[in-house]
N, C-alpha and C. Protein backbone atom coordinates (compact mmCIF):
# COMPACT_ATOMS: atom_id res chain seq x y z
N MET A 1 -1.23 26.48 -4.02
CA MET A 1 -2.17 27.00 -4.76
C MET A 1 -2.39 26.40 -6.28
N LYS A 2 -1.15 25.40 -6.38
CA LYS A 2 -1.81 25.00 -7.51
C LYS A 2 -2.41 23.40 -7.21
N ALA A 3 -2.50 22.76 -6.02
CA ALA A 3 -3.30 21.96 -5.68
C ALA A 3 -4.80 21.96 -5.54
N LEU A 4 -4.82 22.97 -5.29
CA LEU A 4 -6.42 23.57 -5.03
C LEU A 4 -6.87 23.97 -6.55
N ILE A 5 -6.22 24.18 -7.35
CA ILE A 5 -6.41 24.35 -9.29
C ILE A 5 -6.65 23.10 -9.36
N VAL A 6 -5.74 22.22 -9.08
CA VAL A 6 -6.01 20.71 -9.54
C VAL A 6 -7.59 20.06 -8.74
N THR A 7 -7.31 20.40 -7.75
CA THR A 7 -8.58 19.54 -7.00
C THR A 7 -10.22 20.47 -7.37
N LEU A 8 -9.89 21.29 -7.80
CA LEU A 8 -11.30 22.05 -8.01
C LEU A 8 -11.60 21.52 -9.60
N ILE A 9 -10.75 21.54 -10.44
CA ILE A 9 -10.91 20.85 -11.86
C ILE A 9 -11.33 19.67 -11.58
N ALA A 10 -10.74 18.46 -10.66
CA ALA A 10 -10.48 17.20 -9.93
C ALA A 10 -12.48 17.22 -9.87
N ALA A 11 -12.70 18.11 -8.98
CA ALA A 11 -14.24 17.82 -8.42
C ALA A 11 -15.25 18.46 -9.75
N SER A 12 -14.86 19.33 -10.54
CA SER A 12 -15.22 19.60 -11.77
C SER A 12 -16.04 18.63 -12.51
N ALA A 13 -14.86 18.21 -13.02
CA ALA A 13 -15.16 16.70 -13.96
C ALA A 13 -15.88 15.50 -13.37
N ALA A 14 -15.73 15.74 -11.67
CA ALA A 14 -16.51 14.38 -11.17
C ALA A 14 -17.94 14.94 -11.63
N LEU A 15 -18.13 15.69 -11.35
CA LEU A 15 -19.81 16.60 -10.73
C LEU A 15 -19.87 16.74 -12.44
N ALA A 16 -19.56 16.93 -13.39
CA ALA A 16 -19.88 17.07 -14.61
C ALA A 16 -20.64 15.27 -15.41
N GLY A 17 -19.49 14.74 -14.89
CA GLY A 17 -19.54 13.48 -14.87
C GLY A 17 -20.80 12.63 -14.37
N CYS A 18 -21.27 13.29 -12.76
CA CYS A 18 -23.01 12.62 -12.80
C CYS A 18 -23.97 13.87 -13.34
N HIS A 19 -23.54 15.02 -13.63
CA HIS A 19 -24.90 15.56 -14.52
C HIS A 19 -25.24 14.87 -15.63
N GLY A 20 -24.03 13.98 -16.34
CA GLY A 20 -24.55 13.47 -17.61
C GLY A 20 -24.68 12.12 -17.76
N SER A 21 -24.90 11.42 -16.22
CA SER A 21 -25.41 10.44 -16.06
C SER A 21 -26.55 10.33 -16.85
N PRO A 22 -27.16 8.83 -17.09
CA PRO A 22 -28.74 8.32 -17.54
C PRO A 22 -29.53 8.72 -16.18
N LYS A 23 -30.46 9.31 -16.33
CA LYS A 23 -32.05 8.97 -15.25
C LYS A 23 -32.42 7.29 -15.09
N GLY A 24 -32.28 6.55 -15.73
CA GLY A 24 -32.66 5.56 -15.74
C GLY A 24 -34.29 4.98 -16.28
N PRO A 25 -34.42 3.84 -15.78
CA PRO A 25 -33.71 2.72 -16.04
C PRO A 25 -32.51 2.05 -16.98
N TYR A 26 -31.03 1.70 -17.03
CA TYR A 26 -30.24 1.68 -17.59
C TYR A 26 -29.31 0.77 -17.64
N GLY A 27 -28.45 -0.28 -17.99
CA GLY A 27 -28.16 -0.86 -17.86
C GLY A 27 -29.08 -2.31 -18.21
N TYR A 28 -28.16 -3.52 -18.19
CA TYR A 28 -28.72 -4.39 -18.39
C TYR A 28 -30.06 -5.11 -18.33
N THR A 29 -30.67 -4.61 -17.05
CA THR A 29 -31.72 -4.92 -16.21
C THR A 29 -33.09 -4.94 -17.18
N GLU A 30 -33.31 -3.62 -17.39
CA GLU A 30 -34.40 -3.28 -18.55
C GLU A 30 -34.48 -4.61 -19.54
N SER A 31 -33.28 -4.69 -20.44
CA SER A 31 -33.20 -5.28 -21.53
C SER A 31 -33.34 -6.48 -20.96
N TYR A 32 -33.24 -7.49 -20.54
CA TYR A 32 -32.98 -8.35 -19.42
C TYR A 32 -34.59 -8.71 -19.36
N ARG A 33 -35.16 -8.16 -19.04
CA ARG A 33 -36.34 -8.55 -18.34
C ARG A 33 -37.51 -8.23 -19.67
N THR A 34 -37.22 -8.00 -20.81
CA THR A 34 -37.92 -7.48 -21.88
C THR A 34 -37.43 -8.99 -22.70
N VAL A 35 -36.44 -8.87 -23.04
CA VAL A 35 -36.07 -10.31 -23.69
C VAL A 35 -36.42 -11.68 -22.79
N GLU A 36 -36.35 -11.80 -21.29
CA GLU A 36 -36.52 -13.22 -20.66
C GLU A 36 -38.41 -12.91 -20.96
N LYS A 37 -38.90 -11.77 -21.17
CA LYS A 37 -40.40 -11.95 -21.33
C LYS A 37 -40.72 -12.87 -22.72
N SER A 38 -39.83 -12.34 -23.50
CA SER A 38 -40.25 -13.00 -24.79
C SER A 38 -39.72 -13.82 -25.20
N VAL A 39 -38.45 -14.36 -24.89
CA VAL A 39 -37.51 -15.97 -25.08
C VAL A 39 -38.11 -16.82 -24.40
N PRO A 40 -39.44 -17.62 -24.89
CA PRO A 40 -39.96 -19.03 -24.28
C PRO A 40 -39.35 -19.57 -23.64
N GLY A 41 -38.13 -20.09 -25.20
CA GLY A 41 -37.54 -21.32 -24.92
C GLY A 41 -38.86 -23.08 -24.96
N VAL A 42 -37.90 -23.93 -24.92
CA VAL A 42 -38.53 -24.96 -24.57
C VAL A 42 -38.32 -25.59 -23.51
N ALA A 43 -39.45 -25.97 -22.76
CA ALA A 43 -39.06 -26.56 -21.60
C ALA A 43 -38.12 -28.23 -21.42
N GLY A 44 -37.46 -28.67 -20.28
CA GLY A 44 -36.80 -29.71 -20.18
C GLY A 44 -35.33 -29.78 -19.99
N CYS A 45 -34.62 -30.48 -19.58
CA CYS A 45 -32.97 -30.19 -19.00
C CYS A 45 -32.10 -30.16 -19.60
N HIS A 46 -32.32 -30.61 -21.21
CA HIS A 46 -31.46 -29.98 -22.49
C HIS A 46 -29.99 -30.36 -22.10
N ASN A 47 -29.91 -31.77 -21.85
CA ASN A 47 -28.21 -32.17 -21.10
C ASN A 47 -27.56 -32.59 -22.46
N ASP A 48 -27.96 -32.31 -23.91
CA ASP A 48 -27.11 -32.34 -25.15
C ASP A 48 -26.70 -31.38 -25.19
N SER A 49 -27.57 -30.13 -25.10
CA SER A 49 -27.08 -28.83 -25.06
C SER A 49 -26.07 -28.38 -24.20
N VAL A 50 -26.73 -28.25 -23.06
CA VAL A 50 -25.97 -28.49 -21.63
C VAL A 50 -24.23 -28.27 -21.80
N ASP A 51 -23.90 -29.60 -22.10
CA ASP A 51 -22.62 -30.55 -22.87
C ASP A 51 -21.85 -29.95 -23.80
N ARG A 52 -22.25 -29.19 -25.02
CA ARG A 52 -22.28 -28.52 -25.81
C ARG A 52 -21.83 -27.32 -25.75
N PHE A 53 -22.85 -26.56 -24.47
CA PHE A 53 -22.27 -25.30 -24.00
C PHE A 53 -21.22 -25.08 -23.37
N LEU A 54 -20.67 -26.47 -22.52
CA LEU A 54 -20.28 -26.44 -21.57
C LEU A 54 -18.25 -26.74 -22.53
N LEU A 55 -18.63 -27.31 -23.32
CA LEU A 55 -17.56 -27.44 -24.25
C LEU A 55 -16.91 -26.88 -24.51
N LEU A 56 -17.93 -25.76 -25.62
CA LEU A 56 -17.28 -24.47 -26.02
C LEU A 56 -16.57 -23.38 -25.03
N PHE A 57 -16.92 -23.68 -23.70
CA PHE A 57 -16.48 -22.73 -22.75
C PHE A 57 -15.01 -23.37 -21.72
N SER A 58 -15.37 -24.53 -21.81
CA SER A 58 -13.79 -25.52 -20.75
C SER A 58 -13.16 -26.32 -21.45
N PRO A 59 -12.23 -25.91 -22.78
CA PRO A 59 -11.15 -24.59 -22.00
C PRO A 59 -11.88 -23.77 -22.97
N LEU A 60 -11.50 -22.78 -23.02
CA LEU A 60 -11.84 -21.37 -24.12
C LEU A 60 -11.07 -21.38 -25.38
N ASP A 61 -10.92 -21.74 -26.45
CA ASP A 61 -10.60 -21.90 -27.29
C ASP A 61 -10.83 -21.47 -28.69
N ALA A 62 -10.29 -20.58 -29.30
CA ALA A 62 -10.36 -20.12 -30.40
C ALA A 62 -10.99 -20.80 -31.60
N LYS A 63 -10.31 -21.50 -31.60
CA LYS A 63 -10.71 -22.61 -32.72
C LYS A 63 -11.70 -23.25 -32.82
N TYR A 64 -12.26 -24.08 -31.62
CA TYR A 64 -13.16 -24.80 -31.20
C TYR A 64 -14.04 -23.73 -31.10
N ILE A 65 -14.35 -22.32 -30.87
CA ILE A 65 -15.30 -21.95 -30.86
C ILE A 65 -15.75 -21.49 -32.55
N ASP A 66 -15.13 -20.94 -33.25
CA ASP A 66 -15.06 -20.80 -34.29
C ASP A 66 -15.70 -22.49 -35.15
N GLN A 67 -15.32 -23.31 -35.07
CA GLN A 67 -15.77 -24.33 -35.38
C GLN A 67 -16.96 -24.69 -34.99
N ASN A 68 -17.16 -24.54 -33.69
CA ASN A 68 -18.20 -25.39 -33.06
C ASN A 68 -19.54 -24.49 -32.35
N ILE A 69 -19.59 -22.82 -32.68
CA ILE A 69 -20.59 -22.00 -31.88
C ILE A 69 -22.08 -22.33 -32.54
N ASP A 70 -21.85 -22.54 -34.11
CA ASP A 70 -22.93 -22.71 -34.79
C ASP A 70 -24.10 -24.09 -34.28
N SER A 71 -23.40 -25.13 -33.74
CA SER A 71 -24.09 -25.92 -32.96
C SER A 71 -24.46 -26.23 -31.58
N VAL A 72 -24.19 -24.46 -30.96
CA VAL A 72 -24.67 -24.51 -29.25
C VAL A 72 -25.59 -23.34 -29.31
N TYR A 73 -25.49 -22.31 -29.73
CA TYR A 73 -25.84 -21.24 -30.23
C TYR A 73 -26.86 -20.89 -31.40
N ALA A 74 -27.95 -20.48 -31.06
CA ALA A 74 -29.54 -20.28 -32.46
C ALA A 74 -28.59 -18.93 -32.31
N ASP A 75 -29.32 -18.43 -33.70
CA ASP A 75 -29.44 -17.19 -34.54
C ASP A 75 -30.44 -16.63 -34.75
N PRO A 76 -30.94 -15.54 -34.66
CA PRO A 76 -30.78 -14.68 -33.07
C PRO A 76 -30.64 -15.51 -32.28
N LEU A 77 -29.52 -14.79 -31.35
CA LEU A 77 -29.85 -15.01 -29.48
C LEU A 77 -30.07 -13.70 -28.40
N TYR A 78 -29.56 -13.68 -27.69
CA TYR A 78 -29.65 -12.79 -26.87
C TYR A 78 -28.38 -13.35 -26.12
N PHE A 79 -27.58 -12.57 -25.29
CA PHE A 79 -25.90 -13.17 -25.18
C PHE A 79 -26.10 -11.94 -23.81
N ASN A 80 -25.95 -12.06 -22.68
CA ASN A 80 -25.50 -10.90 -21.76
C ASN A 80 -23.82 -11.48 -20.61
N ASP A 81 -23.42 -11.09 -20.78
CA ASP A 81 -22.48 -12.02 -19.77
C ASP A 81 -21.38 -10.80 -18.37
N THR A 82 -22.22 -9.97 -18.32
CA THR A 82 -22.17 -8.66 -17.64
C THR A 82 -21.34 -7.64 -18.15
N LEU A 83 -20.56 -8.39 -19.23
CA LEU A 83 -19.45 -7.49 -19.71
C LEU A 83 -19.75 -6.77 -20.59
N VAL A 84 -20.58 -7.72 -22.01
CA VAL A 84 -21.41 -7.33 -22.82
C VAL A 84 -22.39 -7.95 -23.23
N THR A 85 -23.32 -7.30 -23.90
CA THR A 85 -24.92 -7.68 -24.26
C THR A 85 -25.36 -7.98 -26.04
N LEU A 86 -25.15 -9.21 -26.38
CA LEU A 86 -25.16 -9.58 -27.70
C LEU A 86 -26.43 -9.72 -28.77
N LYS A 87 -26.85 -9.62 -29.53
CA LYS A 87 -28.16 -10.56 -30.19
C LYS A 87 -27.90 -11.11 -31.13
N GLY A 88 -26.52 -11.73 -32.03
CA GLY A 88 -26.04 -12.15 -33.29
C GLY A 88 -25.00 -13.12 -32.84
N ARG A 89 -25.35 -14.32 -33.50
CA ARG A 89 -24.65 -15.70 -33.50
C ARG A 89 -22.96 -15.23 -33.91
N ASP A 90 -23.41 -14.37 -35.07
CA ASP A 90 -21.41 -13.55 -35.19
C ASP A 90 -21.04 -13.13 -34.68
N ALA A 91 -21.52 -11.99 -33.73
CA ALA A 91 -21.05 -10.97 -32.97
C ALA A 91 -20.33 -11.86 -31.44
N LEU A 92 -21.14 -13.08 -31.27
CA LEU A 92 -20.93 -13.81 -29.89
C LEU A 92 -19.67 -14.46 -30.51
N ARG A 93 -19.54 -15.04 -31.69
CA ARG A 93 -18.47 -15.71 -32.01
C ARG A 93 -17.26 -14.63 -32.24
N GLU A 94 -17.23 -13.76 -32.16
CA GLU A 94 -16.40 -12.68 -32.63
C GLU A 94 -15.82 -12.36 -31.04
N HIS A 95 -16.85 -12.27 -30.32
CA HIS A 95 -16.39 -12.06 -28.70
C HIS A 95 -15.57 -13.12 -28.52
N LEU A 96 -16.06 -14.43 -28.11
CA LEU A 96 -15.28 -15.45 -27.81
C LEU A 96 -14.07 -15.37 -28.11
N ILE A 97 -13.73 -15.50 -29.31
CA ILE A 97 -13.10 -15.86 -30.07
C ILE A 97 -11.96 -14.39 -29.57
N LYS A 98 -12.34 -13.27 -29.58
CA LYS A 98 -11.16 -12.36 -28.71
C LYS A 98 -10.88 -12.41 -27.16
N THR A 99 -12.03 -12.66 -26.82
CA THR A 99 -11.86 -13.12 -24.92
C THR A 99 -10.93 -14.19 -25.64
N ALA A 100 -11.04 -15.79 -25.63
CA ALA A 100 -9.99 -16.83 -25.71
C ALA A 100 -8.67 -16.66 -26.04
N GLU A 101 -8.18 -15.42 -27.27
CA GLU A 101 -7.14 -14.82 -27.62
C GLU A 101 -6.55 -14.19 -26.60
N ARG A 102 -7.20 -13.27 -25.32
CA ARG A 102 -6.65 -12.49 -24.45
C ARG A 102 -6.14 -13.22 -23.70
N LEU A 103 -6.22 -14.16 -23.15
CA LEU A 103 -6.71 -15.37 -22.18
C LEU A 103 -5.33 -16.63 -22.35
N ASP A 104 -4.72 -16.32 -21.47
CA ASP A 104 -4.00 -17.51 -21.33
C ASP A 104 -4.81 -18.91 -21.14
N GLN A 105 -5.75 -19.24 -20.76
CA GLN A 105 -6.46 -20.51 -20.22
C GLN A 105 -7.17 -19.69 -19.40
N MET A 106 -8.64 -20.92 -20.04
CA MET A 106 -10.08 -20.65 -19.55
C MET A 106 -10.89 -21.84 -19.17
N SER A 107 -10.81 -22.22 -17.75
CA SER A 107 -12.12 -23.22 -17.88
C SER A 107 -12.84 -22.62 -16.64
N LEU A 108 -14.19 -23.75 -16.47
CA LEU A 108 -15.68 -23.82 -16.15
C LEU A 108 -15.82 -25.03 -15.63
N GLU A 109 -15.91 -25.21 -14.07
CA GLU A 109 -15.95 -26.15 -13.54
C GLU A 109 -17.64 -26.12 -12.87
N VAL A 110 -18.16 -27.16 -13.63
CA VAL A 110 -19.81 -27.24 -13.11
C VAL A 110 -19.72 -27.55 -12.20
N LEU A 111 -20.28 -26.52 -10.85
CA LEU A 111 -20.65 -27.02 -9.33
C LEU A 111 -22.18 -27.64 -8.77
N GLN A 112 -23.04 -26.94 -10.00
CA GLN A 112 -24.54 -27.40 -10.17
C GLN A 112 -25.04 -27.54 -11.11
N LEU A 113 -26.00 -28.24 -11.71
CA LEU A 113 -26.61 -27.82 -12.80
C LEU A 113 -28.31 -27.74 -11.86
N ILE A 114 -29.27 -26.66 -12.31
CA ILE A 114 -30.38 -26.68 -11.76
C ILE A 114 -31.11 -26.55 -12.90
N CYS A 115 -32.31 -27.57 -12.96
CA CYS A 115 -33.30 -27.96 -14.26
C CYS A 115 -34.49 -28.54 -13.90
N SER A 116 -35.56 -28.48 -14.95
CA SER A 116 -36.56 -29.28 -14.19
C SER A 116 -37.13 -29.34 -15.53
N GLU A 117 -37.57 -30.42 -16.02
CA GLU A 117 -38.49 -31.16 -17.32
C GLU A 117 -39.75 -30.03 -17.76
N ASN A 118 -40.16 -29.79 -16.88
CA ASN A 118 -41.50 -28.42 -16.75
C ASN A 118 -40.68 -27.05 -16.87
N SER A 119 -39.30 -26.60 -17.08
CA SER A 119 -38.97 -25.41 -17.09
C SER A 119 -38.64 -24.77 -18.38
N SER A 120 -38.08 -23.67 -18.83
CA SER A 120 -37.27 -23.71 -19.94
C SER A 120 -36.26 -22.83 -19.52
N ASP A 121 -35.94 -22.60 -18.15
CA ASP A 121 -34.89 -22.32 -17.74
C ASP A 121 -34.22 -23.46 -17.33
N VAL A 122 -32.83 -23.06 -17.79
CA VAL A 122 -31.36 -24.52 -16.81
C VAL A 122 -30.59 -23.31 -16.71
N PHE A 123 -30.20 -23.49 -15.39
CA PHE A 123 -28.92 -22.62 -14.42
C PHE A 123 -27.81 -23.66 -14.33
N VAL A 124 -26.61 -23.27 -14.54
CA VAL A 124 -25.24 -23.49 -14.49
C VAL A 124 -24.64 -22.91 -13.72
N LEU A 125 -24.68 -23.53 -11.97
CA LEU A 125 -23.67 -22.77 -11.46
C LEU A 125 -21.96 -23.57 -11.97
N TRP A 126 -21.35 -22.15 -11.51
CA TRP A 126 -19.90 -22.51 -12.27
C TRP A 126 -18.92 -21.87 -11.47
N GLN A 127 -18.03 -22.27 -11.56
CA GLN A 127 -16.25 -21.65 -10.93
C GLN A 127 -15.70 -21.53 -12.38
N MET A 128 -15.45 -20.13 -12.81
CA MET A 128 -14.40 -20.13 -13.73
C MET A 128 -12.59 -19.44 -13.53
N ASP A 129 -12.36 -20.51 -13.83
CA ASP A 129 -11.01 -19.82 -13.63
C ASP A 129 -10.37 -19.36 -14.69
N ALA A 130 -9.52 -17.88 -14.86
CA ALA A 130 -9.22 -17.21 -16.25
C ALA A 130 -7.96 -17.04 -16.25
N GLN A 131 -6.64 -17.68 -16.52
CA GLN A 131 -5.56 -17.15 -16.44
C GLN A 131 -5.11 -16.21 -17.72
N PHE A 132 -4.58 -14.93 -17.11
CA PHE A 132 -4.01 -14.02 -18.11
C PHE A 132 -2.77 -13.26 -18.30
N THR A 133 -2.05 -12.42 -18.74
CA THR A 133 -1.32 -11.70 -18.21
C THR A 133 -1.31 -10.44 -18.52
N LEU A 134 -0.83 -9.88 -17.49
CA LEU A 134 -0.93 -8.17 -17.22
C LEU A 134 0.26 -7.45 -17.00
N PHE A 135 0.94 -6.45 -18.19
CA PHE A 135 2.07 -5.90 -17.84
C PHE A 135 3.20 -6.76 -17.34
N ASN A 136 3.30 -8.16 -18.01
CA ASN A 136 4.42 -9.14 -18.11
C ASN A 136 4.06 -10.11 -16.85
N LYS A 137 2.95 -9.97 -16.33
CA LYS A 137 2.66 -10.56 -14.93
C LYS A 137 1.64 -11.54 -14.90
N PRO A 138 1.56 -12.82 -14.48
CA PRO A 138 0.41 -13.53 -15.09
C PRO A 138 -0.34 -13.03 -14.00
N ARG A 139 -1.63 -13.59 -13.98
CA ARG A 139 -2.42 -13.67 -12.64
C ARG A 139 -3.73 -14.61 -13.07
N LEU A 140 -4.26 -14.53 -11.75
CA LEU A 140 -5.44 -15.86 -11.73
C LEU A 140 -6.78 -15.00 -11.28
N SER A 141 -7.66 -15.42 -12.48
CA SER A 141 -8.93 -14.97 -11.59
C SER A 141 -9.84 -16.22 -11.56
N SER A 142 -10.34 -16.02 -10.20
CA SER A 142 -11.38 -16.96 -9.82
C SER A 142 -12.21 -17.05 -9.20
N THR A 143 -13.90 -16.99 -9.96
CA THR A 143 -14.58 -16.30 -9.62
C THR A 143 -16.23 -17.38 -9.86
N ILE A 144 -17.00 -17.15 -8.59
CA ILE A 144 -18.01 -18.34 -8.81
C ILE A 144 -19.04 -17.42 -9.92
N GLY A 145 -20.36 -18.22 -11.15
CA GLY A 145 -21.53 -17.40 -11.39
C GLY A 145 -22.16 -18.31 -11.73
N ILE A 146 -23.23 -17.57 -12.28
CA ILE A 146 -24.57 -18.49 -12.36
C ILE A 146 -24.92 -18.28 -14.24
N SER A 147 -25.11 -18.96 -15.16
CA SER A 147 -25.63 -19.30 -16.39
C SER A 147 -27.26 -19.49 -16.13
N GLN A 148 -28.18 -18.87 -16.74
CA GLN A 148 -29.42 -18.93 -16.85
C GLN A 148 -29.45 -18.93 -18.49
N LEU A 149 -29.89 -20.49 -18.80
CA LEU A 149 -29.86 -20.72 -20.13
C LEU A 149 -31.20 -21.24 -20.97
N ARG A 150 -31.71 -20.60 -22.08
CA ARG A 150 -32.66 -20.77 -22.06
C ARG A 150 -32.43 -21.38 -23.94
N VAL A 151 -33.28 -22.81 -24.45
CA VAL A 151 -32.37 -23.43 -25.22
C VAL A 151 -34.04 -23.70 -26.34
N ASP A 152 -33.86 -23.30 -27.83
CA ASP A 152 -34.99 -23.27 -28.61
C ASP A 152 -35.27 -25.27 -29.21
N GLU A 153 -36.26 -25.46 -30.00
CA GLU A 153 -36.74 -26.22 -30.68
C GLU A 153 -35.72 -27.34 -31.01
N ASN A 154 -34.96 -26.35 -31.81
CA ASN A 154 -33.48 -26.93 -32.29
C ASN A 154 -32.38 -27.71 -31.46
N GLY A 155 -32.86 -26.85 -30.21
CA GLY A 155 -31.41 -27.56 -28.93
C GLY A 155 -30.50 -26.90 -29.47
N LEU A 156 -30.52 -25.82 -29.69
CA LEU A 156 -29.82 -24.34 -29.70
C LEU A 156 -30.40 -23.21 -28.50
N ILE A 157 -29.00 -22.53 -28.00
CA ILE A 157 -29.07 -21.60 -26.92
C ILE A 157 -29.76 -20.78 -27.38
N GLN A 158 -30.74 -20.10 -27.55
CA GLN A 158 -31.29 -18.66 -27.41
C GLN A 158 -31.41 -17.61 -26.67
N PHE A 159 -30.82 -17.68 -25.49
CA PHE A 159 -30.95 -17.00 -24.34
C PHE A 159 -30.12 -17.65 -23.18
N HIS A 160 -29.14 -16.61 -23.36
CA HIS A 160 -27.65 -16.63 -21.98
C HIS A 160 -27.11 -15.26 -21.31
N GLN A 161 -27.90 -15.67 -20.06
CA GLN A 161 -27.42 -14.51 -19.24
C GLN A 161 -26.87 -14.83 -18.20
N ASP A 162 -25.64 -14.37 -17.90
CA ASP A 162 -24.73 -14.93 -16.94
C ASP A 162 -24.94 -13.65 -15.87
N PHE A 163 -24.75 -14.63 -14.65
CA PHE A 163 -25.09 -13.50 -13.15
C PHE A 163 -23.38 -13.61 -12.57
N TRP A 164 -22.56 -12.87 -12.59
CA TRP A 164 -21.67 -12.90 -11.73
C TRP A 164 -20.48 -11.62 -11.36
N ASP A 165 -20.29 -11.77 -10.27
CA ASP A 165 -19.23 -10.17 -10.01
C ASP A 165 -17.90 -9.86 -10.65
N SER A 166 -17.86 -9.48 -11.05
CA SER A 166 -17.29 -9.29 -12.47
C SER A 166 -16.16 -8.05 -11.54
N SER A 167 -16.12 -7.79 -10.73
CA SER A 167 -15.43 -7.05 -9.78
C SER A 167 -14.30 -8.15 -8.93
N GLN A 168 -15.04 -9.04 -8.56
CA GLN A 168 -14.74 -10.34 -7.90
C GLN A 168 -13.63 -10.78 -8.67
N GLY A 169 -13.93 -10.91 -9.87
CA GLY A 169 -12.70 -11.71 -10.76
C GLY A 169 -11.91 -11.12 -11.39
N LEU A 170 -12.43 -10.17 -12.42
CA LEU A 170 -11.60 -9.53 -13.55
C LEU A 170 -11.36 -8.34 -12.67
N ASP A 171 -11.85 -7.33 -12.80
CA ASP A 171 -11.62 -5.81 -12.08
C ASP A 171 -11.02 -5.42 -11.49
N GLN A 172 -10.74 -6.70 -10.46
CA GLN A 172 -9.78 -5.92 -9.48
C GLN A 172 -8.23 -6.48 -9.73
N HIS A 173 -8.03 -6.78 -10.77
CA HIS A 173 -6.96 -6.73 -11.67
C HIS A 173 -6.52 -5.33 -12.89
N LEU A 174 -7.66 -4.68 -12.99
CA LEU A 174 -6.95 -3.59 -13.60
C LEU A 174 -6.47 -2.11 -12.85
N PRO A 175 -5.43 -1.79 -13.93
CA PRO A 175 -4.94 -0.90 -13.10
C PRO A 175 -5.53 -0.01 -12.27
N LEU A 176 -6.17 0.47 -12.95
CA LEU A 176 -6.89 1.91 -12.28
C LEU A 176 -7.89 1.24 -11.20
N LEU A 177 -9.26 0.19 -11.48
CA LEU A 177 -10.40 -0.18 -10.78
C LEU A 177 -9.59 -1.13 -9.72
N GLY A 178 -9.00 -1.59 -10.12
CA GLY A 178 -8.19 -2.69 -8.91
C GLY A 178 -8.47 -2.57 -7.63
N PRO A 179 -7.36 -1.36 -7.38
CA PRO A 179 -7.07 -1.25 -6.21
C PRO A 179 -8.11 -0.71 -5.28
N ALA A 180 -8.96 0.09 -6.10
CA ALA A 180 -10.38 0.74 -5.66
C ALA A 180 -11.67 -0.17 -5.29
N THR A 181 -11.20 -1.21 -6.03
CA THR A 181 -12.10 -2.68 -5.95
C THR A 181 -11.78 -3.35 -4.44
N ARG A 182 -10.67 -3.68 -4.65
CA ARG A 182 -10.07 -4.05 -3.60
C ARG A 182 -10.20 -3.30 -1.80
N TRP A 183 -10.22 -2.32 -2.17
CA TRP A 183 -10.05 -1.02 -0.69
C TRP A 183 -11.45 -1.08 -0.39
N LEU A 184 -12.73 -0.91 -1.65
CA LEU A 184 -14.27 -0.84 -1.17
C LEU A 184 -14.53 -2.34 -0.67
N ARG A 185 -13.86 -3.71 -1.34
CA ARG A 185 -14.41 -4.60 -0.77
C ARG A 185 -13.88 -5.38 0.35
N HIS A 186 -12.61 -4.63 1.38
CA HIS A 186 -11.82 -4.40 2.46
C HIS A 186 -12.42 -3.74 3.57
N HIS A 187 -12.98 -2.46 2.62
CA HIS A 187 -13.88 -1.34 3.81
C HIS A 187 -14.79 -1.72 3.48
N SER A 188 -15.77 -2.98 3.24
CA SER A 188 -16.94 -2.66 3.35
C SER A 188 -17.40 -3.63 4.55
N PRO A 189 -18.47 -3.42 5.36
CA PRO A 189 -18.92 -4.12 6.80
C PRO A 189 -19.29 -5.41 6.28
N ASP A 190 -18.88 -6.21 7.25
CA ASP A 190 -19.25 -7.74 6.97
C ASP A 190 -20.58 -7.70 7.62
N ASP A 191 -21.43 -9.00 6.69
CA ASP A 191 -22.47 -8.92 7.18
C ASP A 191 -22.82 -10.29 8.08
């Protein structure tokens, strides 16, 4: 009887959560599409801007971020790394410093740079390796992603959208999400 009551409570909570879900569109898609249309950027490959961007993220270091973010990102800006969406450089500074302080180490390896002198978009294909400690156990998260960047007339990044699978990278290490994420990945049909 006790198990039945617990099951009914859990099912009711799950259904209530579904009832309260937004009807959409939601998430970053609508925000991305709106901002992407409104931030034209300057055409070109912007090698100096991309080099400064890479130095900021590899390795991710709180002191370096604080000292150098003003020479990498414009203000205002649009930044989405699939975990957070930010619109100001100070908010980005705070986010990156907190991220750096939570990680033991993080680095990016550039796998490919895609750009054209006729386009304002620069795409950086990267592998991110993040080392962190969770419950006194060292963890390594390695994932592949793409950053879409747009630079303003001053050579500063004003638009940054990351595309990567956080469940492949970070989520799999979280206590509640990790086992479910790994189970789903293991039981999904092969393509």
